[in-house]
Structure formats: structure tokens, C-alpha cells
Amino acid sequence: MEGKNYTQQEWLAEGKRLFGDKYEDYKFKCPRCGNVASGQEFKDAGQNPNAMYCECIGRHVKGKGCDWAAYGLFDICKVHVDGKPVFEFAPDDKEED
């Protein structure tokens, strides 16, 4: 599958460039349903914010998104960090203005 391949350091630098210093502000797009969620949304749902890049928020919040996970049986992710599938960064609302 064609996509982006990052080292962990490159990936974290890209997240910082897009969303700033606060890790919980990073947003990721589920490759299956397209839902966008931030680390803060995971935190507010009582989940580990690190799940934001590999799990759809729908796994934890009923009625929002789906139950997809990047570490499941099928790899449909277009982004990989150190060879592991992760969700794509979501477009930043500030960049769309």
C-alpha cells in the first residue's frame, strides 16, 4: 500500500508542526469511517490519549465513529511509523481557513 512512512521522531515532529506542543490536541482520522478525534476526546472518554492514532473513538464512545483499530487483522492505514500502521493526521481547522 502506498503511503507515508515515518520514523517516530519524524512523525512526532509532524504532529507538533500541525497541532502545536500539546499532544492531546493532535487529531487523527479513522481510515475506515473518516471520523476525526483528538487525544483530548480520548482523555475525556476515560481512555489513554495514545489510542487516538490507532483506534477509532467509536470503540469507546457509543454513536461516534466505528470500532476500527490500526492493529487489527487488516492494514488499511496509509501511514506507518517505524513499520507500524497508524491513522493519518486529520486536517487542522486552522489550515483550512
PDB file of N, CA and C in Angstrom:
ATOM      1  N   MET A   1       0.847  -1.184   0.000  1.00  0.00           N
ATOM      2  CA  MET A   1       0.000   0.000   0.000  1.00  0.00           C
ATOM      3  C   MET A   1       0.886   1.238   0.000  1.00  0.00           C
ATOM      4  N   GLU A   2       0.593   2.137  -0.883  1.00  0.00           N
ATOM      5  CA  GLU A   2       1.352   3.375  -0.981  1.00  0.00           C
ATOM      6  C   GLU A   2       0.926   4.328   0.123  1.00  0.00           C
ATOM      7  N   GLY A   3       1.861   5.028   0.694  1.00  0.00           N
ATOM      8  CA  GLY A   3       1.531   5.976   1.745  1.00  0.00           C
ATOM      9  C   GLY A   3       2.784   6.628   2.288  1.00  0.00           C
ATOM     10  N   LYS A   4       2.678   7.145   3.493  1.00  0.00           N
ATOM     11  CA  LYS A   4       3.806   7.806   4.144  1.00  0.00           C
ATOM     12  C   LYS A   4       4.418   6.876   5.176  1.00  0.00           C
ATOM     13  N   ASN A   5       5.722   6.901   5.214  1.00  0.00           N
ATOM     14  CA  ASN A   5       6.466   6.130   6.202  1.00  0.00           C
ATOM     15  C   ASN A   5       7.331   7.100   7.002  1.00  0.00           C
ATOM     16  N   TYR A   6       7.170   7.087   8.301  1.00  0.00           N
ATOM     17  CA  TYR A   6       7.904   7.983   9.186  1.00  0.00           C
ATOM     18  C   TYR A   6       8.716   7.181  10.191  1.00  0.00           C
ATOM     19  N   THR A   7       9.766   7.794  10.688  1.00  0.00           N
ATOM     20  CA  THR A   7      10.364   7.309  11.928  1.00  0.00           C
ATOM     21  C   THR A   7       9.524   7.939  13.040  1.00  0.00           C
ATOM     22  N   GLN A   8       9.636   7.438  14.233  1.00  0.00           N
ATOM     23  CA  GLN A   8       8.864   8.009  15.345  1.00  0.00           C
ATOM     24  C   GLN A   8       9.200   9.487  15.509  1.00  0.00           C
ATOM     25  N   GLN A   9      10.456   9.829  15.402  1.00  0.00           N
ATOM     26  CA  GLN A   9      10.889  11.222  15.568  1.00  0.00           C
ATOM     27  C   GLN A   9      10.284  12.122  14.482  1.00  0.00           C
ATOM     28  N   GLU A  10      10.290  11.672  13.243  1.00  0.00           N
ATOM     29  CA  GLU A  10       9.698  12.450  12.141  1.00  0.00           C
ATOM     30  C   GLU A  10       8.199  12.632  12.343  1.00  0.00           C
ATOM     31  N   TRP A  11       7.533  11.572  12.769  1.00  0.00           N
ATOM     32  CA  TRP A  11       6.095  11.593  12.977  1.00  0.00           C
ATOM     33  C   TRP A  11       5.703  12.560  14.093  1.00  0.00           C
ATOM     34  N   LEU A  12       6.421  12.517  15.212  1.00  0.00           N
ATOM     35  CA  LEU A  12       6.155  13.439  16.311  1.00  0.00           C
ATOM     36  C   LEU A  12       6.417  14.888  15.900  1.00  0.00           C
ATOM     37  N   ALA A  13       7.463  15.109  15.099  1.00  0.00           N
ATOM     38  CA  ALA A  13       7.753  16.461  14.601  1.00  0.00           C
ATOM     39  C   ALA A  13       6.637  16.961  13.698  1.00  0.00           C
ATOM     40  N   GLU A  14       6.075  16.086  12.871  1.00  0.00           N
ATOM     41  CA  GLU A  14       4.967  16.468  12.001  1.00  0.00           C
ATOM     42  C   GLU A  14       3.731  16.807  12.834  1.00  0.00           C
ATOM     43  N   GLY A  15       3.448  16.028  13.844  1.00  0.00           N
ATOM     44  CA  GLY A  15       2.325  16.324  14.727  1.00  0.00           C
ATOM     45  C   GLY A  15       2.485  17.664  15.418  1.00  0.00           C
ATOM     46  N   LYS A  16       3.677  17.942  15.861  1.00  0.00           N
ATOM     47  CA  LYS A  16       3.961  19.219  16.523  1.00  0.00           C
ATOM     48  C   LYS A  16       3.801  20.385  15.545  1.00  0.00           C
ATOM     49  N   ARG A  17       4.236  20.183  14.312  1.00  0.00           N
ATOM     50  CA  ARG A  17       4.107  21.218  13.293  1.00  0.00           C
ATOM     51  C   ARG A  17       2.636  21.512  13.002  1.00  0.00           C
ATOM     52  N   LEU A  18       1.841  20.471  12.933  1.00  0.00           N
ATOM     53  CA  LEU A  18       0.423  20.628  12.603  1.00  0.00           C
ATOM     54  C   LEU A  18      -0.429  21.147  13.760  1.00  0.00           C
ATOM     55  N   PHE A  19      -0.146  20.680  14.979  1.00  0.00           N
ATOM     56  CA  PHE A  19      -1.056  20.928  16.094  1.00  0.00           C
ATOM     57  C   PHE A  19      -0.449  21.620  17.297  1.00  0.00           C
ATOM     58  N   GLY A  20       0.845  21.869  17.286  1.00  0.00           N
ATOM     59  CA  GLY A  20       1.473  22.543  18.421  1.00  0.00           C
ATOM     60  C   GLY A  20       2.044  21.576  19.439  1.00  0.00           C
ATOM     61  N   ASP A  21       2.395  22.121  20.584  1.00  0.00           N
ATOM     62  CA  ASP A  21       3.098  21.361  21.616  1.00  0.00           C
ATOM     63  C   ASP A  21       2.223  20.425  22.436  1.00  0.00           C
ATOM     64  N   LYS A  22       0.933  20.707  22.512  1.00  0.00           N
ATOM     65  CA  LYS A  22       0.048  19.917  23.371  1.00  0.00           C
ATOM     66  C   LYS A  22      -0.392  18.643  22.647  1.00  0.00           C
ATOM     67  N   TYR A  23       0.137  17.521  23.085  1.00  0.00           N
ATOM     68  CA  TYR A  23      -0.101  16.228  22.456  1.00  0.00           C
ATOM     69  C   TYR A  23      -1.582  15.879  22.349  1.00  0.00           C
ATOM     70  N   GLU A  24      -2.362  16.241  23.367  1.00  0.00           N
ATOM     71  CA  GLU A  24      -3.789  15.925  23.360  1.00  0.00           C
ATOM     72  C   GLU A  24      -4.555  16.688  22.274  1.00  0.00           C
ATOM     73  N   ASP A  25      -3.936  17.719  21.696  1.00  0.00           N
ATOM     74  CA  ASP A  25      -4.578  18.485  20.612  1.00  0.00           C
ATOM     75  C   ASP A  25      -4.400  17.830  19.240  1.00  0.00           C
ATOM     76  N   TYR A  26      -3.517  16.857  19.158  1.00  0.00           N
ATOM     77  CA  TYR A  26      -3.321  16.167  17.884  1.00  0.00           C
ATOM     78  C   TYR A  26      -4.632  15.495  17.482  1.00  0.00           C
ATOM     79  N   LYS A  27      -4.923  15.494  16.180  1.00  0.00           N
ATOM     80  CA  LYS A  27      -6.147  14.885  15.671  1.00  0.00           C
ATOM     81  C   LYS A  27      -5.810  13.866  14.600  1.00  0.00           C
ATOM     82  N   PHE A  28      -6.549  12.768  14.622  1.00  0.00           N
ATOM     83  CA  PHE A  28      -6.338  11.697  13.658  1.00  0.00           C
ATOM     84  C   PHE A  28      -7.658  11.294  13.033  1.00  0.00           C
ATOM     85  N   LYS A  29      -7.572  10.842  11.786  1.00  0.00           N
ATOM     86  CA  LYS A  29      -8.751  10.457  11.014  1.00  0.00           C
ATOM     87  C   LYS A  29      -8.797   8.936  10.876  1.00  0.00           C
ATOM     88  N   CYS A  30      -9.902   8.351  11.264  1.00  0.00           N
ATOM     89  CA  CYS A  30     -10.083   6.908  11.136  1.00  0.00           C
ATOM     90  C   CYS A  30     -10.098   6.546   9.650  1.00  0.00           C
ATOM     91  N   PRO A  31      -9.288   5.573   9.234  1.00  0.00           N
ATOM     92  CA  PRO A  31      -9.253   5.204   7.815  1.00  0.00           C
ATOM     93  C   PRO A  31     -10.499   4.452   7.346  1.00  0.00           C
ATOM     94  N   ARG A  32     -11.275   3.971   8.272  1.00  0.00           N
ATOM     95  CA  ARG A  32     -12.469   3.212   7.897  1.00  0.00           C
ATOM     96  C   ARG A  32     -13.704   4.104   7.775  1.00  0.00           C
ATOM     97  N   CYS A  33     -13.986   4.912   8.802  1.00  0.00           N
ATOM     98  CA  CYS A  33     -15.221   5.706   8.793  1.00  0.00           C
ATOM     99  C   CYS A  33     -14.990   7.190   8.560  1.00  0.00           C
ATOM    100  N   GLY A  34     -13.731   7.639   8.667  1.00  0.00           N
ATOM    101  CA  GLY A  34     -13.420   9.045   8.434  1.00  0.00           C
ATOM    102  C   GLY A  34     -13.625   9.947   9.635  1.00  0.00           C
ATOM    103  N   ASN A  35     -14.056   9.394  10.763  1.00  0.00           N
ATOM    104  CA  ASN A  35     -14.258  10.202  11.956  1.00  0.00           C
ATOM    105  C   ASN A  35     -12.923  10.781  12.432  1.00  0.00           C
ATOM    106  N   VAL A  36     -12.961  12.007  12.893  1.00  0.00           N
ATOM    107  CA  VAL A  36     -11.775  12.686  13.414  1.00  0.00           C
ATOM    108  C   VAL A  36     -11.904  12.802  14.927  1.00  0.00           C
ATOM    109  N   ALA A  37     -10.824  12.467  15.630  1.00  0.00           N
ATOM    110  CA  ALA A  37     -10.824  12.581  17.089  1.00  0.00           C
ATOM    111  C   ALA A  37      -9.448  13.034  17.564  1.00  0.00           C
ATOM    112  N   SER A  38      -9.451  13.745  18.671  1.00  0.00           N
ATOM    113  CA  SER A  38      -8.214  14.226  19.282  1.00  0.00           C
ATOM    114  C   SER A  38      -7.881  13.391  20.517  1.00  0.00           C
ATOM    115  N   GLY A  39      -6.676  13.580  20.981  1.00  0.00           N
ATOM    116  CA  GLY A  39      -6.273  12.922  22.215  1.00  0.00           C
ATOM    117  C   GLY A  39      -7.118  13.383  23.394  1.00  0.00           C
ATOM    118  N   GLN A  40      -7.528  14.665  23.367  1.00  0.00           N
ATOM    119  CA  GLN A  40      -8.370  15.177  24.446  1.00  0.00           C
ATOM    120  C   GLN A  40      -9.716  14.461  24.492  1.00  0.00           C
ATOM    121  N   GLU A  41     -10.269  14.145  23.311  1.00  0.00           N
ATOM    122  CA  GLU A  41     -11.536  13.408  23.272  1.00  0.00           C
ATOM    123  C   GLU A  41     -11.382  12.022  23.898  1.00  0.00           C
ATOM    124  N   PHE A  42     -10.250  11.369  23.637  1.00  0.00           N
ATOM    125  CA  PHE A  42      -9.992  10.070  24.258  1.00  0.00           C
ATOM    126  C   PHE A  42      -9.851  10.229  25.766  1.00  0.00           C
ATOM    127  N   LYS A  43      -9.137  11.252  26.178  1.00  0.00           N
ATOM    128  CA  LYS A  43      -8.944  11.522  27.602  1.00  0.00           C
ATOM    129  C   LYS A  43     -10.290  11.787  28.275  1.00  0.00           C
ATOM    130  N   ASP A  44     -11.141  12.598  27.631  1.00  0.00           N
ATOM    131  CA  ASP A  44     -12.464  12.906  28.170  1.00  0.00           C
ATOM    132  C   ASP A  44     -13.341  11.654  28.280  1.00  0.00           C
ATOM    133  N   ALA A  45     -13.076  10.662  27.409  1.00  0.00           N
ATOM    134  CA  ALA A  45     -13.834   9.404  27.439  1.00  0.00           C
ATOM    135  C   ALA A  45     -13.229   8.405  28.431  1.00  0.00           C
ATOM    136  N   GLY A  46     -12.203   8.855  29.181  1.00  0.00           N
ATOM    137  CA  GLY A  46     -11.576   7.982  30.175  1.00  0.00           C
ATOM    138  C   GLY A  46     -10.582   7.008  29.576  1.00  0.00           C
ATOM    139  N   GLN A  47     -10.100   7.315  28.369  1.00  0.00           N
ATOM    140  CA  GLN A  47      -9.168   6.428  27.672  1.00  0.00           C
ATOM    141  C   GLN A  47      -7.776   7.058  27.594  1.00  0.00           C
ATOM    142  N   ASN A  48      -6.810   6.231  27.271  1.00  0.00           N
ATOM    143  CA  ASN A  48      -5.442   6.704  27.072  1.00  0.00           C
ATOM    144  C   ASN A  48      -5.393   7.552  25.801  1.00  0.00           C
ATOM    145  N   PRO A  49      -4.900   8.793  25.856  1.00  0.00           N
ATOM    146  CA  PRO A  49      -4.816   9.627  24.661  1.00  0.00           C
ATOM    147  C   PRO A  49      -3.986   9.000  23.533  1.00  0.00           C
ATOM    148  N   ASN A  50      -3.085   8.088  23.866  1.00  0.00           N
ATOM    149  CA  ASN A  50      -2.281   7.426  22.833  1.00  0.00           C
ATOM    150  C   ASN A  50      -3.129   6.581  21.888  1.00  0.00           C
ATOM    151  N   ALA A  51      -4.327   6.240  22.290  1.00  0.00           N
ATOM    152  CA  ALA A  51      -5.217   5.460  21.425  1.00  0.00           C
ATOM    153  C   ALA A  51      -5.684   6.268  20.220  1.00  0.00           C
ATOM    154  N   MET A  52      -5.539   7.592  20.261  1.00  0.00           N
ATOM    155  CA  MET A  52      -6.051   8.459  19.201  1.00  0.00           C
ATOM    156  C   MET A  52      -5.465   8.151  17.829  1.00  0.00           C
ATOM    157  N   TYR A  53      -4.265   7.618  17.770  1.00  0.00           N
ATOM    158  CA  TYR A  53      -3.630   7.359  16.480  1.00  0.00           C
ATOM    159  C   TYR A  53      -3.789   5.915  15.996  1.00  0.00           C
ATOM    160  N   CYS A  54      -4.441   5.094  16.800  1.00  0.00           N
ATOM    161  CA  CYS A  54      -4.577   3.702  16.376  1.00  0.00           C
ATOM    162  C   CYS A  54      -5.955   3.095  16.618  1.00  0.00           C
ATOM    163  N   GLU A  55      -6.882   3.845  17.222  1.00  0.00           N
ATOM    164  CA  GLU A  55      -8.231   3.346  17.462  1.00  0.00           C
ATOM    165  C   GLU A  55      -9.240   4.434  17.116  1.00  0.00           C
ATOM    166  N   CYS A  56     -10.348   4.041  16.510  1.00  0.00           N
ATOM    167  CA  CYS A  56     -11.437   4.984  16.291  1.00  0.00           C
ATOM    168  C   CYS A  56     -12.093   5.263  17.643  1.00  0.00           C
ATOM    169  N   ILE A  57     -12.490   6.499  17.863  1.00  0.00           N
ATOM    170  CA  ILE A  57     -13.139   6.878  19.127  1.00  0.00           C
ATOM    171  C   ILE A  57     -14.423   6.080  19.348  1.00  0.00           C
ATOM    172  N   GLY A  58     -14.999   5.568  18.257  1.00  0.00           N
ATOM    173  CA  GLY A  58     -16.213   4.765  18.354  1.00  0.00           C
ATOM    174  C   GLY A  58     -16.048   3.494  19.162  1.00  0.00           C
ATOM    175  N   ARG A  59     -14.831   3.045  19.373  1.00  0.00           N
ATOM    176  CA  ARG A  59     -14.581   1.880  20.237  1.00  0.00           C
ATOM    177  C   ARG A  59     -14.910   2.201  21.691  1.00  0.00           C
ATOM    178  N   HIS A  60     -14.938   3.505  22.010  1.00  0.00           N
ATOM    179  CA  HIS A  60     -15.091   3.943  23.394  1.00  0.00           C
ATOM    180  C   HIS A  60     -16.284   4.858  23.637  1.00  0.00           C
ATOM    181  N   VAL A  61     -16.777   5.502  22.576  1.00  0.00           N
ATOM    182  CA  VAL A  61     -17.899   6.429  22.698  1.00  0.00           C
ATOM    183  C   VAL A  61     -19.008   5.957  21.768  1.00  0.00           C
ATOM    184  N   LYS A  62     -20.084   5.502  22.352  1.00  0.00           N
ATOM    185  CA  LYS A  62     -21.202   4.968  21.575  1.00  0.00           C
ATOM    186  C   LYS A  62     -21.773   6.037  20.631  1.00  0.00           C
ATOM    187  N   GLY A  63     -22.004   5.626  19.388  1.00  0.00           N
ATOM    188  CA  GLY A  63     -22.628   6.510  18.414  1.00  0.00           C
ATOM    189  C   GLY A  63     -21.695   7.485  17.735  1.00  0.00           C
ATOM    190  N   LYS A  64     -20.383   7.350  17.980  1.00  0.00           N
ATOM    191  CA  LYS A  64     -19.422   8.269  17.363  1.00  0.00           C
ATOM    192  C   LYS A  64     -18.322   7.442  16.700  1.00  0.00           C
ATOM    193  N   GLY A  65     -18.341   7.388  15.379  1.00  0.00           N
ATOM    194  CA  GLY A  65     -17.325   6.618  14.676  1.00  0.00           C
ATOM    195  C   GLY A  65     -17.645   5.135  14.634  1.00  0.00           C
ATOM    196  N   CYS A  66     -16.606   4.341  14.417  1.00  0.00           N
ATOM    197  CA  CYS A  66     -16.767   2.891  14.303  1.00  0.00           C
ATOM    198  C   CYS A  66     -15.879   2.197  15.339  1.00  0.00           C
ATOM    199  N   ASP A  67     -15.604   0.932  15.141  1.00  0.00           N
ATOM    200  CA  ASP A  67     -14.782   0.204  16.115  1.00  0.00           C
ATOM    201  C   ASP A  67     -13.425  -0.216  15.549  1.00  0.00           C
ATOM    202  N   TRP A  68     -12.975   0.471  14.511  1.00  0.00           N
ATOM    203  CA  TRP A  68     -11.742   0.099  13.823  1.00  0.00           C
ATOM    204  C   TRP A  68     -10.512   0.355  14.684  1.00  0.00           C
ATOM    205  N   ALA A  69      -9.496  -0.480  14.501  1.00  0.00           N
ATOM    206  CA  ALA A  69      -8.196  -0.301  15.144  1.00  0.00           C
ATOM    207  C   ALA A  69      -7.103  -0.577  14.126  1.00  0.00           C
ATOM    208  N   ALA A  70      -6.063   0.207  14.155  1.00  0.00           N
ATOM    209  CA  ALA A  70      -4.956   0.058  13.212  1.00  0.00           C
ATOM    210  C   ALA A  70      -4.210  -1.257  13.414  1.00  0.00           C
ATOM    211  N   TYR A  71      -4.280  -1.813  14.606  1.00  0.00           N
ATOM    212  CA  TYR A  71      -3.541  -3.031  14.921  1.00  0.00           C
ATOM    213  C   TYR A  71      -4.378  -4.289  14.688  1.00  0.00           C
ATOM    214  N   GLY A  72      -5.473  -4.154  13.963  1.00  0.00           N
ATOM    215  CA  GLY A  72      -6.338  -5.298  13.694  1.00  0.00           C
ATOM    216  C   GLY A  72      -5.785  -6.207  12.616  1.00  0.00           C
ATOM    217  N   LEU A  73      -6.619  -7.097  12.136  1.00  0.00           N
ATOM    218  CA  LEU A  73      -6.230  -8.102  11.157  1.00  0.00           C
ATOM    219  C   LEU A  73      -5.819  -7.496   9.818  1.00  0.00           C
ATOM    220  N   PHE A  74      -6.545  -6.466   9.370  1.00  0.00           N
ATOM    221  CA  PHE A  74      -6.275  -5.854   8.069  1.00  0.00           C
ATOM    222  C   PHE A  74      -5.640  -4.482   8.239  1.00  0.00           C
ATOM    223  N   ASP A  75      -4.617  -4.207   7.465  1.00  0.00           N
ATOM    224  CA  ASP A  75      -3.943  -2.907   7.498  1.00  0.00           C
ATOM    225  C   ASP A  75      -4.440  -2.067   6.331  1.00  0.00           C
ATOM    226  N   ILE A  76      -5.317  -1.118   6.622  1.00  0.00           N
ATOM    227  CA  ILE A  76      -5.803  -0.209   5.585  1.00  0.00           C
ATOM    228  C   ILE A  76      -5.228   1.199   5.782  1.00  0.00           C
ATOM    229  N   CYS A  77      -4.290   1.331   6.693  1.00  0.00           N
ATOM    230  CA  CYS A  77      -3.696   2.634   7.002  1.00  0.00           C
ATOM    231  C   CYS A  77      -2.702   3.050   5.914  1.00  0.00           C
ATOM    232  N   LYS A  78      -2.720   4.330   5.610  1.00  0.00           N
ATOM    233  CA  LYS A  78      -1.810   4.893   4.614  1.00  0.00           C
ATOM    234  C   LYS A  78      -0.534   5.432   5.248  1.00  0.00           C
ATOM    235  N   VAL A  79      -0.479   5.424   6.562  1.00  0.00           N
ATOM    236  CA  VAL A  79       0.671   5.951   7.292  1.00  0.00           C
ATOM    237  C   VAL A  79       1.230   4.854   8.189  1.00  0.00           C
ATOM    238  N   HIS A  80       2.560   4.783   8.210  1.00  0.00           N
ATOM    239  CA  HIS A  80       3.241   3.823   9.077  1.00  0.00           C
ATOM    240  C   HIS A  80       4.371   4.538   9.810  1.00  0.00           C
ATOM    241  N   VAL A  81       4.520   4.217  11.076  1.00  0.00           N
ATOM    242  CA  VAL A  81       5.586   4.774  11.901  1.00  0.00           C
ATOM    243  C   VAL A  81       6.454   3.606  12.356  1.00  0.00           C
ATOM    244  N   ASP A  82       7.699   3.657  11.943  1.00  0.00           N
ATOM    245  CA  ASP A  82       8.617   2.549  12.233  1.00  0.00           C
ATOM    246  C   ASP A  82       8.013   1.206  11.835  1.00  0.00           C
ATOM    247  N   GLY A  83       7.306   1.203  10.704  1.00  0.00           N
ATOM    248  CA  GLY A  83       6.725  -0.014  10.153  1.00  0.00           C
ATOM    249  C   GLY A  83       5.366  -0.402  10.703  1.00  0.00           C
ATOM    250  N   LYS A  84       4.856   0.337  11.692  1.00  0.00           N
ATOM    251  CA  LYS A  84       3.561   0.007  12.295  1.00  0.00           C
ATOM    252  C   LYS A  84       2.476   0.942  11.763  1.00  0.00           C
ATOM    253  N   PRO A  85       1.286   0.403  11.462  1.00  0.00           N
ATOM    254  CA  PRO A  85       0.205   1.237  10.930  1.00  0.00           C
ATOM    255  C   PRO A  85      -0.352   2.188  11.983  1.00  0.00           C
ATOM    256  N   VAL A  86      -0.613   3.421  11.552  1.00  0.00           N
ATOM    257  CA  VAL A  86      -1.258   4.431  12.391  1.00  0.00           C
ATOM    258  C   VAL A  86      -2.256   5.202  11.523  1.00  0.00           C
ATOM    259  N   PHE A  87      -3.199   5.865  12.168  1.00  0.00           N
ATOM    260  CA  PHE A  87      -4.150   6.702  11.443  1.00  0.00           C
ATOM    261  C   PHE A  87      -3.436   7.944  10.908  1.00  0.00           C
ATOM    262  N   GLU A  88      -3.987   8.521   9.854  1.00  0.00           N
ATOM    263  CA  GLU A  88      -3.451   9.758   9.293  1.00  0.00           C
ATOM    264  C   GLU A  88      -3.774  10.924  10.208  1.00  0.00           C
ATOM    265  N   PHE A  89      -2.892  11.920  10.209  1.00  0.00           N
ATOM    266  CA  PHE A  89      -3.227  13.168  10.880  1.00  0.00           C
ATOM    267  C   PHE A  89      -4.447  13.753  10.180  1.00  0.00           C
ATOM    268  N   ALA A  90      -5.356  14.313  10.950  1.00  0.00           N
ATOM    269  CA  ALA A  90      -6.528  14.972  10.381  1.00  0.00           C
ATOM    270  C   ALA A  90      -6.142  16.391   9.991  1.00  0.00           C
ATOM    271  N   PRO A  91      -6.796  16.933   8.990  1.00  0.00           N
ATOM    272  CA  PRO A  91      -6.513  18.332   8.643  1.00  0.00           C
ATOM    273  C   PRO A  91      -6.810  19.237   9.834  1.00  0.00           C
ATOM    274  N   ASP A  92      -5.945  20.201  10.030  1.00  0.00           N
ATOM    275  CA  ASP A  92      -6.130  21.154  11.114  1.00  0.00           C
ATOM    276  C   ASP A  92      -7.108  22.220  10.657  1.00  0.00           C
ATOM    277  N   ASP A  93      -8.106  22.505  11.481  1.00  0.00           N
ATOM    278  CA  ASP A  93      -9.108  23.518  11.140  1.00  0.00           C
ATOM    279  C   ASP A  93      -8.466  24.854  10.810  1.00  0.00           C
ATOM    280  N   LYS A  94      -7.365  25.185  11.479  1.00  0.00           N
ATOM    281  CA  LYS A  94      -6.711  26.476  11.251  1.00  0.00           C
ATOM    282  C   LYS A  94      -6.109  26.552   9.861  1.00  0.00           C
ATOM    283  N   GLU A  95      -5.663  25.412   9.313  1.00  0.00           N
ATOM    284  CA  GLU A  95      -5.059  25.403   7.975  1.00  0.00           C
ATOM    285  C   GLU A  95      -6.096  25.536   6.879  1.00  0.00           C
ATOM    286  N   GLU A  96      -7.370  25.243   7.198  1.00  0.00           N
ATOM    287  CA  GLU A  96      -8.426  25.292   6.182  1.00  0.00           C
ATOM    288  C   GLU A  96      -8.994  26.687   6.004  1.00  0.00           C
ATOM    289  N   ASP A  97      -8.693  27.621   6.921  1.00  0.00           N
ATOM    290  CA  ASP A  97      -9.211  28.989   6.831  1.00  0.00           C
ATOM    291  C   ASP A  97      -8.590  29.755   5.692  1.00  0.00           C
TER     292      ASP A  97
END
